[in-house]
Amino acid sequence: MKFGWTWTVLILVAACSGPARAITGAEVIERMEERFAKAKTYSATFEKQFFWSVLDRNMSREGRIFTRRPRQFRVEVEDGDLVIADGEAIWVYNKANQQVIVAPYEDELRTPWEILVEYADGYTPVSVAETELDGTDAYVVILQPRPDAPPNLQVQRLRVWVGRKDWDLLQVEQLEANDDIRTYVLREHRRNKKLGDELFVFSPPEGVEIIDRRRPD
């Protein structure tokens, strides 16, 4: 009698449970952001790839990204370009133009996705699938412009790869209106490692033009 009762319970549980609900693209993005929000510091290397459709030409640059709560981040590129948020202002240094633009920074600390892809808020997930990227199990989420997005958006589609184990942002691909493709590949993710204060301080090089867009006192 006991054996029969056990099997009856198992059958009822199996019948009531049904298939597991599939994860949505919005949930994948949300978990990635939640994972990032728990880290006091974060750093990663990235490769910025650009495909120029008209010339059928590929270009690539490498760099590093650092973030530290509550409101500091740094993005450095191998050619010398630099973006630093020191908690009060954002400094954007273009080495080729010998120019620095400084503007007020009033927002909360943004995720690497929001830093590298500044217009991500104008898009909504439309599909998600399980995949593998460079040997890592991942979700790939496709995003398209929201119905209320500005009509002049240059990026027509975003594809975002997120690791299934640690919810790391692995790759972002932007398809632009002229068929150019801009891709960011992130590696060497590190959380809660000590980052020096000097990473988030910008001292303009001598002789550069400084365009200050901060409000006067």
N, C-alpha and C. Protein backbone atom coordinates (compact mmCIF):
# COMPACT_ATOMS: atom_id res chain seq x y z
N MET A 1 0.83 -1.21 0.00
CA MET A 1 0.00 0.00 0.00
C MET A 1 0.86 1.25 0.00
N LYS A 2 1.93 1.28 0.79
CA LYS A 2 2.81 2.43 0.87
C LYS A 2 3.47 2.70 -0.48
N PHE A 3 3.89 1.63 -1.17
CA PHE A 3 4.54 1.77 -2.47
C PHE A 3 3.59 2.41 -3.48
N GLY A 4 2.31 1.93 -3.47
CA GLY A 4 1.33 2.48 -4.40
C GLY A 4 1.03 3.93 -4.11
N TRP A 5 0.97 4.33 -2.85
CA TRP A 5 0.70 5.72 -2.46
C TRP A 5 1.84 6.65 -2.92
N THR A 6 3.07 6.18 -2.80
CA THR A 6 4.21 6.99 -3.22
C THR A 6 4.15 7.28 -4.72
N TRP A 7 3.86 6.27 -5.52
CA TRP A 7 3.78 6.47 -6.96
C TRP A 7 2.62 7.39 -7.33
N THR A 8 1.52 7.30 -6.59
CA THR A 8 0.38 8.19 -6.86
C THR A 8 0.76 9.65 -6.64
N VAL A 9 1.50 9.91 -5.55
CA VAL A 9 1.95 11.27 -5.25
C VAL A 9 2.88 11.79 -6.34
N LEU A 10 3.84 10.94 -6.76
CA LEU A 10 4.79 11.37 -7.80
C LEU A 10 4.08 11.69 -9.09
N ILE A 11 3.10 10.88 -9.47
CA ILE A 11 2.35 11.11 -10.70
C ILE A 11 1.59 12.42 -10.63
N LEU A 12 0.97 12.69 -9.47
CA LEU A 12 0.22 13.93 -9.30
C LEU A 12 1.13 15.15 -9.36
N VAL A 13 2.31 15.06 -8.73
CA VAL A 13 3.26 16.17 -8.76
C VAL A 13 3.73 16.44 -10.18
N ALA A 14 4.03 15.36 -10.92
CA ALA A 14 4.50 15.52 -12.29
C ALA A 14 3.41 16.13 -13.17
N ALA A 15 2.18 15.72 -12.95
CA ALA A 15 1.08 16.22 -13.76
C ALA A 15 0.80 17.69 -13.50
N CYS A 16 0.98 18.11 -12.23
CA CYS A 16 0.67 19.48 -11.87
C CYS A 16 1.81 20.45 -12.19
N SER A 17 3.04 19.95 -12.18
CA SER A 17 4.17 20.85 -12.37
C SER A 17 4.26 21.36 -13.80
N GLY A 18 4.09 20.51 -14.79
CA GLY A 18 4.14 20.92 -16.18
C GLY A 18 5.53 21.32 -16.59
N PRO A 19 5.71 21.73 -17.85
CA PRO A 19 7.03 22.14 -18.34
C PRO A 19 7.48 23.44 -17.70
N ALA A 20 8.78 23.60 -17.51
CA ALA A 20 9.34 24.82 -16.91
C ALA A 20 9.14 26.00 -17.85
N ARG A 21 8.84 27.16 -17.29
CA ARG A 21 8.63 28.35 -18.10
C ARG A 21 9.96 28.85 -18.65
N ALA A 22 10.01 29.16 -19.92
CA ALA A 22 11.23 29.65 -20.54
C ALA A 22 11.52 31.07 -20.08
N ILE A 23 12.81 31.39 -19.96
CA ILE A 23 13.20 32.72 -19.56
C ILE A 23 12.97 33.70 -20.70
N THR A 24 12.63 34.94 -20.38
CA THR A 24 12.39 35.95 -21.40
C THR A 24 13.64 36.80 -21.60
N GLY A 25 13.68 37.51 -22.73
CA GLY A 25 14.81 38.39 -22.98
C GLY A 25 14.92 39.49 -21.94
N ALA A 26 13.79 40.02 -21.51
CA ALA A 26 13.80 41.07 -20.49
C ALA A 26 14.38 40.55 -19.18
N GLU A 27 14.07 39.30 -18.83
CA GLU A 27 14.60 38.71 -17.60
C GLU A 27 16.11 38.50 -17.69
N VAL A 28 16.60 38.13 -18.87
CA VAL A 28 18.05 37.96 -19.03
C VAL A 28 18.76 39.29 -18.79
N ILE A 29 18.26 40.37 -19.41
CA ILE A 29 18.86 41.69 -19.23
C ILE A 29 18.77 42.11 -17.76
N GLU A 30 17.62 41.84 -17.13
CA GLU A 30 17.43 42.23 -15.74
C GLU A 30 18.41 41.50 -14.81
N ARG A 31 18.61 40.20 -15.05
CA ARG A 31 19.54 39.45 -14.20
C ARG A 31 20.98 39.91 -14.40
N MET A 32 21.33 40.26 -15.63
CA MET A 32 22.66 40.80 -15.89
C MET A 32 22.86 42.09 -15.09
N GLU A 33 21.86 42.97 -15.10
CA GLU A 33 21.98 44.23 -14.39
C GLU A 33 21.99 44.03 -12.88
N GLU A 34 21.19 43.07 -12.39
CA GLU A 34 21.18 42.79 -10.95
C GLU A 34 22.52 42.24 -10.48
N ARG A 35 23.12 41.37 -11.28
CA ARG A 35 24.43 40.82 -10.94
C ARG A 35 25.47 41.92 -10.87
N PHE A 36 25.43 42.85 -11.82
CA PHE A 36 26.36 43.97 -11.81
C PHE A 36 26.11 44.88 -10.60
N ALA A 37 24.85 45.08 -10.25
CA ALA A 37 24.50 45.99 -9.15
C ALA A 37 25.04 45.51 -7.80
N LYS A 38 25.29 44.21 -7.67
CA LYS A 38 25.78 43.68 -6.40
C LYS A 38 27.29 43.89 -6.21
N ALA A 39 27.98 44.26 -7.28
CA ALA A 39 29.44 44.42 -7.22
C ALA A 39 29.81 45.85 -6.88
N LYS A 40 30.69 46.01 -5.89
CA LYS A 40 31.17 47.35 -5.55
C LYS A 40 32.15 47.87 -6.61
N THR A 41 32.94 46.95 -7.16
CA THR A 41 33.83 47.31 -8.26
C THR A 41 33.70 46.27 -9.35
N TYR A 42 34.04 46.67 -10.55
CA TYR A 42 33.96 45.76 -11.70
C TYR A 42 35.00 46.21 -12.72
N SER A 43 35.63 45.25 -13.38
CA SER A 43 36.55 45.57 -14.47
C SER A 43 36.50 44.46 -15.51
N ALA A 44 36.85 44.82 -16.74
CA ALA A 44 36.89 43.85 -17.83
C ALA A 44 37.71 44.44 -18.97
N THR A 45 38.25 43.57 -19.80
CA THR A 45 38.85 44.02 -21.05
C THR A 45 37.77 43.97 -22.13
N PHE A 46 37.95 44.79 -23.17
CA PHE A 46 36.99 44.72 -24.26
C PHE A 46 37.71 44.94 -25.58
N GLU A 47 37.12 44.39 -26.62
CA GLU A 47 37.56 44.63 -27.99
C GLU A 47 36.42 45.28 -28.75
N LYS A 48 36.69 46.43 -29.35
CA LYS A 48 35.69 47.14 -30.13
C LYS A 48 35.95 46.85 -31.60
N GLN A 49 35.03 46.15 -32.23
CA GLN A 49 35.16 45.79 -33.64
C GLN A 49 34.18 46.62 -34.46
N PHE A 50 34.64 47.05 -35.64
CA PHE A 50 33.77 47.85 -36.50
C PHE A 50 33.88 47.34 -37.94
N PHE A 51 32.72 47.01 -38.51
CA PHE A 51 32.64 46.60 -39.91
C PHE A 51 32.05 47.74 -40.72
N TRP A 52 32.85 48.28 -41.65
CA TRP A 52 32.44 49.39 -42.51
C TRP A 52 31.88 48.80 -43.79
N SER A 53 30.55 48.85 -43.91
CA SER A 53 29.86 48.15 -44.99
C SER A 53 30.26 48.66 -46.38
N VAL A 54 30.34 49.96 -46.55
CA VAL A 54 30.60 50.54 -47.87
C VAL A 54 31.95 50.08 -48.41
N LEU A 55 32.95 49.99 -47.53
CA LEU A 55 34.30 49.61 -47.95
C LEU A 55 34.58 48.12 -47.74
N ASP A 56 33.61 47.41 -47.14
CA ASP A 56 33.82 46.00 -46.80
C ASP A 56 35.13 45.84 -46.02
N ARG A 57 35.25 46.63 -44.97
CA ARG A 57 36.49 46.70 -44.21
C ARG A 57 36.22 46.53 -42.72
N ASN A 58 37.11 45.81 -42.04
CA ASN A 58 37.00 45.61 -40.60
C ASN A 58 38.11 46.37 -39.87
N MET A 59 37.76 46.96 -38.73
CA MET A 59 38.72 47.62 -37.85
C MET A 59 38.49 47.15 -36.43
N SER A 60 39.52 47.23 -35.61
CA SER A 60 39.40 46.74 -34.24
C SER A 60 40.30 47.55 -33.31
N ARG A 61 39.79 47.82 -32.09
CA ARG A 61 40.58 48.46 -31.04
C ARG A 61 40.28 47.75 -29.73
N GLU A 62 41.25 47.73 -28.83
CA GLU A 62 41.09 47.09 -27.54
C GLU A 62 41.14 48.13 -26.42
N GLY A 63 40.59 47.76 -25.28
CA GLY A 63 40.59 48.67 -24.15
C GLY A 63 40.18 47.98 -22.87
N ARG A 64 39.99 48.78 -21.82
CA ARG A 64 39.57 48.27 -20.52
C ARG A 64 38.48 49.18 -19.97
N ILE A 65 37.62 48.58 -19.16
CA ILE A 65 36.57 49.33 -18.48
C ILE A 65 36.64 49.02 -17.00
N PHE A 66 36.50 50.06 -16.18
CA PHE A 66 36.51 49.93 -14.72
C PHE A 66 35.31 50.68 -14.17
N THR A 67 34.65 50.13 -13.15
CA THR A 67 33.58 50.86 -12.47
C THR A 67 33.75 50.70 -10.97
N ARG A 68 33.35 51.74 -10.23
CA ARG A 68 33.38 51.69 -8.77
C ARG A 68 32.21 52.49 -8.23
N ARG A 69 31.48 51.86 -7.36
CA ARG A 69 30.32 52.54 -6.78
C ARG A 69 30.78 53.59 -5.77
N PRO A 70 30.00 54.71 -5.67
CA PRO A 70 28.66 54.82 -6.24
C PRO A 70 28.59 55.41 -7.65
N ARG A 71 29.59 56.22 -8.10
CA ARG A 71 29.37 56.96 -9.35
C ARG A 71 30.66 57.16 -10.13
N GLN A 72 31.50 56.15 -10.20
CA GLN A 72 32.77 56.32 -10.90
C GLN A 72 32.97 55.23 -11.95
N PHE A 73 33.47 55.62 -13.11
CA PHE A 73 33.86 54.63 -14.10
C PHE A 73 34.98 55.19 -14.98
N ARG A 74 35.65 54.28 -15.66
CA ARG A 74 36.75 54.65 -16.54
C ARG A 74 36.74 53.72 -17.75
N VAL A 75 36.83 54.28 -18.95
CA VAL A 75 36.95 53.51 -20.18
C VAL A 75 38.19 54.02 -20.90
N GLU A 76 39.17 53.15 -21.10
CA GLU A 76 40.39 53.54 -21.78
C GLU A 76 40.58 52.67 -23.01
N VAL A 77 41.02 53.31 -24.11
CA VAL A 77 41.21 52.63 -25.39
C VAL A 77 42.69 52.72 -25.75
N GLU A 78 43.17 51.70 -26.47
CA GLU A 78 44.59 51.57 -26.72
C GLU A 78 45.20 52.75 -27.48
N ASP A 79 44.39 53.50 -28.24
CA ASP A 79 44.93 54.63 -28.98
C ASP A 79 45.06 55.89 -28.14
N GLY A 80 44.69 55.79 -26.86
CA GLY A 80 44.85 56.93 -25.96
C GLY A 80 43.56 57.64 -25.60
N ASP A 81 42.46 57.37 -26.31
CA ASP A 81 41.18 57.97 -25.95
C ASP A 81 40.77 57.50 -24.56
N LEU A 82 40.04 58.36 -23.84
CA LEU A 82 39.76 58.08 -22.43
C LEU A 82 38.45 58.73 -22.02
N VAL A 83 37.66 58.01 -21.24
CA VAL A 83 36.45 58.56 -20.63
C VAL A 83 36.51 58.25 -19.13
N ILE A 84 36.37 59.28 -18.30
CA ILE A 84 36.43 59.09 -16.85
C ILE A 84 35.25 59.81 -16.20
N ALA A 85 34.52 59.09 -15.35
CA ALA A 85 33.51 59.69 -14.49
C ALA A 85 34.07 59.68 -13.08
N ASP A 86 34.32 60.86 -12.51
CA ASP A 86 34.95 60.93 -11.19
C ASP A 86 33.95 61.06 -10.05
N GLY A 87 32.66 60.98 -10.39
CA GLY A 87 31.62 61.12 -9.38
C GLY A 87 30.88 62.43 -9.48
N GLU A 88 31.53 63.42 -10.05
CA GLU A 88 30.92 64.74 -10.22
C GLU A 88 30.80 65.14 -11.69
N ALA A 89 31.75 64.70 -12.51
CA ALA A 89 31.77 65.08 -13.91
C ALA A 89 32.25 63.93 -14.76
N ILE A 90 31.96 64.01 -16.06
CA ILE A 90 32.48 63.05 -17.03
C ILE A 90 33.49 63.78 -17.92
N TRP A 91 34.68 63.21 -18.01
CA TRP A 91 35.74 63.78 -18.83
C TRP A 91 35.93 62.88 -20.05
N VAL A 92 35.83 63.45 -21.24
CA VAL A 92 36.00 62.70 -22.49
C VAL A 92 37.21 63.29 -23.22
N TYR A 93 38.26 62.49 -23.33
CA TYR A 93 39.50 62.94 -23.94
C TYR A 93 39.70 62.26 -25.28
N ASN A 94 39.81 63.07 -26.34
CA ASN A 94 40.09 62.58 -27.69
C ASN A 94 41.53 62.95 -28.01
N LYS A 95 42.40 61.95 -28.03
CA LYS A 95 43.82 62.21 -28.21
C LYS A 95 44.13 62.78 -29.58
N ALA A 96 43.50 62.24 -30.62
CA ALA A 96 43.78 62.70 -31.98
C ALA A 96 43.44 64.17 -32.16
N ASN A 97 42.34 64.62 -31.56
CA ASN A 97 41.91 66.02 -31.68
C ASN A 97 42.53 66.91 -30.61
N GLN A 98 43.24 66.29 -29.65
CA GLN A 98 43.80 67.05 -28.52
C GLN A 98 42.72 67.92 -27.87
N GLN A 99 41.63 67.25 -27.53
CA GLN A 99 40.47 67.95 -26.99
C GLN A 99 39.86 67.18 -25.83
N VAL A 100 39.42 67.91 -24.82
CA VAL A 100 38.73 67.33 -23.67
C VAL A 100 37.37 68.00 -23.53
N ILE A 101 36.32 67.20 -23.42
CA ILE A 101 34.98 67.72 -23.13
C ILE A 101 34.59 67.25 -21.74
N VAL A 102 34.23 68.17 -20.87
CA VAL A 102 33.82 67.83 -19.51
C VAL A 102 32.39 68.27 -19.30
N ALA A 103 31.58 67.37 -18.75
CA ALA A 103 30.15 67.63 -18.55
C ALA A 103 29.75 67.11 -17.17
N PRO A 104 28.67 67.63 -16.60
CA PRO A 104 28.24 67.15 -15.27
C PRO A 104 27.74 65.71 -15.35
N TYR A 105 27.97 64.97 -14.25
CA TYR A 105 27.49 63.59 -14.16
C TYR A 105 26.57 63.49 -12.96
N GLU A 106 25.31 63.25 -13.22
CA GLU A 106 24.31 63.26 -12.16
C GLU A 106 23.55 61.95 -12.03
N ASP A 107 23.85 60.97 -12.88
CA ASP A 107 23.10 59.72 -12.87
C ASP A 107 23.73 58.71 -11.92
N GLU A 108 23.00 57.61 -11.71
CA GLU A 108 23.56 56.48 -10.97
C GLU A 108 24.59 55.78 -11.82
N LEU A 109 25.42 54.96 -11.19
CA LEU A 109 26.44 54.21 -11.93
C LEU A 109 25.77 53.32 -12.97
N ARG A 110 26.22 53.41 -14.20
CA ARG A 110 25.63 52.64 -15.29
C ARG A 110 26.37 51.32 -15.49
N THR A 111 25.68 50.35 -16.05
CA THR A 111 26.30 49.06 -16.36
C THR A 111 27.24 49.24 -17.55
N PRO A 112 28.19 48.29 -17.74
CA PRO A 112 29.04 48.36 -18.94
C PRO A 112 28.24 48.45 -20.22
N TRP A 113 27.12 47.76 -20.28
CA TRP A 113 26.26 47.84 -21.47
C TRP A 113 25.79 49.27 -21.69
N GLU A 114 25.35 49.94 -20.64
CA GLU A 114 24.84 51.31 -20.78
C GLU A 114 25.97 52.30 -21.06
N ILE A 115 27.18 52.00 -20.58
CA ILE A 115 28.31 52.88 -20.84
C ILE A 115 28.75 52.76 -22.29
N LEU A 116 28.89 51.55 -22.78
CA LEU A 116 29.37 51.34 -24.14
C LEU A 116 28.27 51.60 -25.18
N VAL A 117 27.03 51.31 -24.82
CA VAL A 117 25.89 51.51 -25.73
C VAL A 117 24.97 52.52 -25.07
N GLU A 118 25.19 53.78 -25.32
CA GLU A 118 24.54 54.84 -24.55
C GLU A 118 23.03 54.93 -24.78
N TYR A 119 22.53 54.39 -25.91
CA TYR A 119 21.12 54.55 -26.23
C TYR A 119 20.34 53.25 -26.02
N ALA A 120 20.79 52.39 -25.12
CA ALA A 120 20.14 51.10 -24.92
C ALA A 120 18.70 51.23 -24.42
N ASP A 121 18.37 52.34 -23.76
CA ASP A 121 17.02 52.51 -23.23
C ASP A 121 15.97 52.63 -24.32
N GLY A 122 16.38 52.90 -25.55
CA GLY A 122 15.42 53.05 -26.63
C GLY A 122 15.02 51.75 -27.30
N TYR A 123 15.42 50.61 -26.71
CA TYR A 123 15.20 49.32 -27.35
C TYR A 123 14.49 48.36 -26.41
N THR A 124 13.80 47.39 -26.98
CA THR A 124 13.08 46.41 -26.20
C THR A 124 13.39 45.01 -26.70
N PRO A 125 13.53 44.01 -25.79
CA PRO A 125 13.82 42.64 -26.23
C PRO A 125 12.65 42.04 -27.00
N VAL A 126 12.97 41.35 -28.11
CA VAL A 126 11.93 40.71 -28.90
C VAL A 126 12.12 39.20 -28.99
N SER A 127 13.31 38.68 -28.65
CA SER A 127 13.52 37.23 -28.66
C SER A 127 14.74 36.89 -27.82
N VAL A 128 14.81 35.62 -27.39
CA VAL A 128 15.95 35.12 -26.62
C VAL A 128 16.16 33.66 -26.99
N ALA A 129 17.42 33.23 -27.02
CA ALA A 129 17.73 31.84 -27.35
C ALA A 129 18.99 31.43 -26.59
N GLU A 130 19.11 30.14 -26.32
CA GLU A 130 20.32 29.60 -25.72
C GLU A 130 21.35 29.36 -26.81
N THR A 131 22.61 29.65 -26.50
CA THR A 131 23.67 29.50 -27.49
C THR A 131 24.99 29.27 -26.76
N GLU A 132 26.07 29.29 -27.51
CA GLU A 132 27.41 29.17 -26.96
C GLU A 132 28.29 30.22 -27.63
N LEU A 133 29.09 30.92 -26.83
CA LEU A 133 29.97 31.95 -27.36
C LEU A 133 31.38 31.71 -26.84
N ASP A 134 32.29 31.37 -27.74
CA ASP A 134 33.68 31.09 -27.38
C ASP A 134 33.77 30.07 -26.24
N GLY A 135 32.95 29.01 -26.33
CA GLY A 135 32.99 27.95 -25.34
C GLY A 135 32.20 28.22 -24.07
N THR A 136 31.52 29.35 -24.00
CA THR A 136 30.74 29.71 -22.80
C THR A 136 29.25 29.61 -23.12
N ASP A 137 28.51 28.89 -22.26
CA ASP A 137 27.06 28.83 -22.41
C ASP A 137 26.47 30.22 -22.20
N ALA A 138 25.57 30.62 -23.08
CA ALA A 138 25.07 31.99 -23.04
C ALA A 138 23.64 32.07 -23.54
N TYR A 139 23.01 33.19 -23.24
CA TYR A 139 21.76 33.58 -23.87
C TYR A 139 22.08 34.69 -24.86
N VAL A 140 21.43 34.68 -26.01
CA VAL A 140 21.53 35.79 -26.94
C VAL A 140 20.15 36.43 -27.03
N VAL A 141 20.11 37.73 -26.76
CA VAL A 141 18.85 38.48 -26.75
C VAL A 141 18.88 39.47 -27.91
N ILE A 142 17.82 39.49 -28.70
CA ILE A 142 17.70 40.45 -29.80
C ILE A 142 16.77 41.58 -29.35
N LEU A 143 17.22 42.82 -29.54
CA LEU A 143 16.44 43.99 -29.18
C LEU A 143 16.22 44.85 -30.42
N GLN A 144 15.03 45.44 -30.50
CA GLN A 144 14.69 46.34 -31.59
C GLN A 144 14.18 47.66 -31.01
N PRO A 145 14.18 48.73 -31.80
CA PRO A 145 13.72 50.02 -31.29
C PRO A 145 12.31 49.94 -30.73
N ARG A 146 12.08 50.64 -29.61
CA ARG A 146 10.76 50.69 -29.02
C ARG A 146 9.82 51.49 -29.93
N PRO A 147 8.51 51.23 -29.84
CA PRO A 147 7.57 51.98 -30.68
C PRO A 147 7.64 53.49 -30.45
N ASP A 148 7.98 53.90 -29.22
CA ASP A 148 8.05 55.33 -28.91
C ASP A 148 9.46 55.88 -29.02
N ALA A 149 10.39 55.10 -29.61
CA ALA A 149 11.77 55.55 -29.74
C ALA A 149 11.88 56.67 -30.78
N PRO A 150 12.85 57.56 -30.62
CA PRO A 150 13.04 58.63 -31.62
C PRO A 150 13.24 58.05 -33.01
N PRO A 151 12.69 58.66 -34.03
CA PRO A 151 12.78 58.11 -35.40
C PRO A 151 14.19 58.18 -35.99
N ASN A 152 15.08 58.96 -35.37
CA ASN A 152 16.42 59.13 -35.94
C ASN A 152 17.46 58.19 -35.32
N LEU A 153 17.01 57.13 -34.68
CA LEU A 153 17.95 56.18 -34.11
C LEU A 153 18.81 55.55 -35.21
N GLN A 154 20.11 55.56 -35.01
CA GLN A 154 21.02 55.01 -36.01
C GLN A 154 21.10 53.49 -35.95
N VAL A 155 20.93 52.92 -34.75
CA VAL A 155 21.05 51.48 -34.57
C VAL A 155 19.68 50.83 -34.79
N GLN A 156 19.60 49.91 -35.73
CA GLN A 156 18.34 49.27 -36.08
C GLN A 156 18.09 47.99 -35.30
N ARG A 157 19.17 47.38 -34.78
CA ARG A 157 19.01 46.14 -34.03
C ARG A 157 20.20 45.96 -33.09
N LEU A 158 19.92 45.45 -31.91
CA LEU A 158 20.96 45.09 -30.95
C LEU A 158 20.88 43.60 -30.67
N ARG A 159 22.04 42.95 -30.61
CA ARG A 159 22.12 41.57 -30.13
C ARG A 159 23.05 41.56 -28.93
N VAL A 160 22.59 40.96 -27.84
CA VAL A 160 23.33 40.97 -26.58
C VAL A 160 23.52 39.54 -26.11
N TRP A 161 24.79 39.16 -25.84
CA TRP A 161 25.10 37.84 -25.32
C TRP A 161 25.40 37.95 -23.83
N VAL A 162 24.74 37.12 -23.01
CA VAL A 162 24.90 37.14 -21.56
C VAL A 162 25.22 35.73 -21.09
N GLY A 163 26.25 35.57 -20.26
CA GLY A 163 26.63 34.26 -19.76
C GLY A 163 25.54 33.65 -18.90
N ARG A 164 25.27 32.37 -19.09
CA ARG A 164 24.20 31.69 -18.36
C ARG A 164 24.60 31.36 -16.93
N LYS A 165 25.88 31.25 -16.65
CA LYS A 165 26.34 30.88 -15.31
C LYS A 165 26.48 32.09 -14.39
N ASP A 166 27.23 33.09 -14.84
CA ASP A 166 27.53 34.25 -13.98
C ASP A 166 26.79 35.51 -14.41
N TRP A 167 25.99 35.44 -15.48
CA TRP A 167 25.22 36.58 -15.97
C TRP A 167 26.13 37.74 -16.36
N ASP A 168 27.32 37.42 -16.87
CA ASP A 168 28.24 38.43 -17.36
C ASP A 168 27.80 38.91 -18.75
N LEU A 169 28.01 40.19 -19.01
CA LEU A 169 27.83 40.70 -20.36
C LEU A 169 29.02 40.25 -21.20
N LEU A 170 28.77 39.43 -22.22
CA LEU A 170 29.85 38.86 -23.03
C LEU A 170 30.08 39.60 -24.33
N GLN A 171 29.00 40.06 -24.94
CA GLN A 171 29.16 40.70 -26.26
C GLN A 171 27.91 41.52 -26.59
N VAL A 172 28.13 42.63 -27.28
CA VAL A 172 27.04 43.47 -27.78
C VAL A 172 27.31 43.76 -29.25
N GLU A 173 26.31 43.54 -30.09
CA GLU A 173 26.44 43.80 -31.53
C GLU A 173 25.37 44.80 -31.95
N GLN A 174 25.79 45.88 -32.63
CA GLN A 174 24.88 46.93 -33.07
C GLN A 174 24.84 46.97 -34.59
N LEU A 175 23.68 46.72 -35.17
CA LEU A 175 23.48 46.85 -36.61
C LEU A 175 22.94 48.24 -36.89
N GLU A 176 23.71 49.04 -37.63
CA GLU A 176 23.32 50.42 -37.87
C GLU A 176 22.55 50.56 -39.18
N ALA A 177 21.93 51.72 -39.36
CA ALA A 177 21.02 51.92 -40.48
C ALA A 177 21.71 51.77 -41.83
N ASN A 178 22.99 52.06 -41.89
CA ASN A 178 23.74 51.95 -43.16
C ASN A 178 24.42 50.59 -43.31
N ASP A 179 23.99 49.62 -42.51
CA ASP A 179 24.52 48.24 -42.52
C ASP A 179 25.92 48.12 -41.92
N ASP A 180 26.45 49.19 -41.33
CA ASP A 180 27.67 49.05 -40.54
C ASP A 180 27.36 48.26 -39.28
N ILE A 181 28.36 47.53 -38.78
CA ILE A 181 28.17 46.71 -37.57
C ILE A 181 29.25 47.07 -36.56
N ARG A 182 28.83 47.43 -35.36
CA ARG A 182 29.74 47.77 -34.27
C ARG A 182 29.56 46.71 -33.18
N THR A 183 30.68 46.09 -32.76
CA THR A 183 30.62 44.98 -31.80
C THR A 183 31.58 45.23 -30.65
N TYR A 184 31.11 44.97 -29.43
CA TYR A 184 31.96 45.00 -28.25
C TYR A 184 32.03 43.58 -27.68
N VAL A 185 33.24 43.07 -27.49
CA VAL A 185 33.45 41.75 -26.90
C VAL A 185 34.15 41.96 -25.55
N LEU A 186 33.54 41.51 -24.47
CA LEU A 186 34.09 41.71 -23.13
C LEU A 186 34.64 40.41 -22.57
N ARG A 187 35.83 40.50 -21.94
CA ARG A 187 36.48 39.33 -21.35
C ARG A 187 37.11 39.72 -20.00
N GLU A 188 37.63 38.72 -19.30
CA GLU A 188 38.35 38.92 -18.04
C GLU A 188 37.51 39.72 -17.04
N HIS A 189 36.27 39.29 -16.84
CA HIS A 189 35.38 39.96 -15.89
C HIS A 189 35.89 39.77 -14.46
N ARG A 190 35.98 40.85 -13.71
CA ARG A 190 36.40 40.79 -12.31
C ARG A 190 35.50 41.68 -11.47
N ARG A 191 35.09 41.13 -10.33
CA ARG A 191 34.23 41.87 -9.41
C ARG A 191 34.87 42.00 -8.04
N ASN A 192 34.58 43.12 -7.41
CA ASN A 192 34.97 43.36 -6.02
C ASN A 192 36.47 43.27 -5.79
N LYS A 193 37.26 43.61 -6.81
CA LYS A 193 38.70 43.73 -6.66
C LYS A 193 39.03 45.20 -6.37
N LYS A 194 40.02 45.44 -5.52
CA LYS A 194 40.36 46.81 -5.16
C LYS A 194 40.86 47.57 -6.38
N LEU A 195 40.33 48.77 -6.57
CA LEU A 195 40.74 49.64 -7.67
C LEU A 195 41.30 50.94 -7.09
N GLY A 196 42.45 51.36 -7.59
CA GLY A 196 43.09 52.56 -7.07
C GLY A 196 42.33 53.84 -7.39
N ASP A 197 42.43 54.82 -6.47
CA ASP A 197 41.74 56.09 -6.67
C ASP A 197 42.20 56.79 -7.95
N GLU A 198 43.46 56.58 -8.34
CA GLU A 198 44.00 57.28 -9.51
C GLU A 198 43.29 56.92 -10.80
N LEU A 199 42.61 55.77 -10.82
CA LEU A 199 41.89 55.36 -12.03
C LEU A 199 40.75 56.32 -12.36
N PHE A 200 40.23 56.99 -11.35
CA PHE A 200 39.03 57.79 -11.53
C PHE A 200 39.30 59.29 -11.37
N VAL A 201 40.54 59.68 -11.62
CA VAL A 201 40.94 61.09 -11.60
C VAL A 201 41.51 61.44 -12.97
N PHE A 202 41.03 62.52 -13.55
CA PHE A 202 41.54 62.94 -14.85
C PHE A 202 42.30 64.25 -14.73
N SER A 203 43.53 64.25 -15.22
CA SER A 203 44.35 65.46 -15.28
C SER A 203 44.59 65.76 -16.76
N PRO A 204 44.01 66.83 -17.26
CA PRO A 204 44.16 67.13 -18.70
C PRO A 204 45.62 67.30 -19.09
N PRO A 205 46.06 66.67 -20.17
CA PRO A 205 47.43 66.88 -20.65
C PRO A 205 47.67 68.34 -21.01
N GLU A 206 48.89 68.77 -20.88
CA GLU A 206 49.23 70.15 -21.17
C GLU A 206 48.98 70.48 -22.64
N GLY A 207 48.34 71.61 -22.87
CA GLY A 207 48.15 72.09 -24.22
C GLY A 207 46.87 71.65 -24.90
N VAL A 208 46.05 70.78 -24.26
CA VAL A 208 44.82 70.34 -24.91
C VAL A 208 43.73 71.39 -24.75
N GLU A 209 42.79 71.40 -25.69
CA GLU A 209 41.63 72.28 -25.60
C GLU A 209 40.61 71.67 -24.65
N ILE A 210 40.10 72.46 -23.72
CA ILE A 210 39.10 71.97 -22.75
C ILE A 210 37.79 72.68 -23.00
N ILE A 211 36.75 71.90 -23.31
CA ILE A 211 35.40 72.43 -23.49
C ILE A 211 34.60 72.05 -22.26
N ASP A 212 34.28 73.02 -21.42
CA ASP A 212 33.63 72.76 -20.13
C ASP A 212 32.14 73.06 -20.25
N ARG A 213 31.34 72.00 -20.15
CA ARG A 213 29.89 72.14 -20.26
C ARG A 213 29.19 72.07 -18.91
N ARG A 214 29.92 72.13 -17.84
CA ARG A 214 29.31 72.12 -16.51
C ARG A 214 28.66 73.47 -16.23
N ARG A 215 27.64 73.44 -15.39
CA ARG A 215 26.97 74.67 -15.03
C ARG A 215 27.88 75.52 -14.14
N PRO A 216 27.85 76.84 -14.29
CA PRO A 216 28.64 77.66 -13.40
C PRO A 216 28.12 77.59 -11.98
N ASP A 217 28.99 77.83 -11.01
CA ASP A 217 28.59 77.81 -9.61
C ASP A 217 27.56 78.90 -9.35
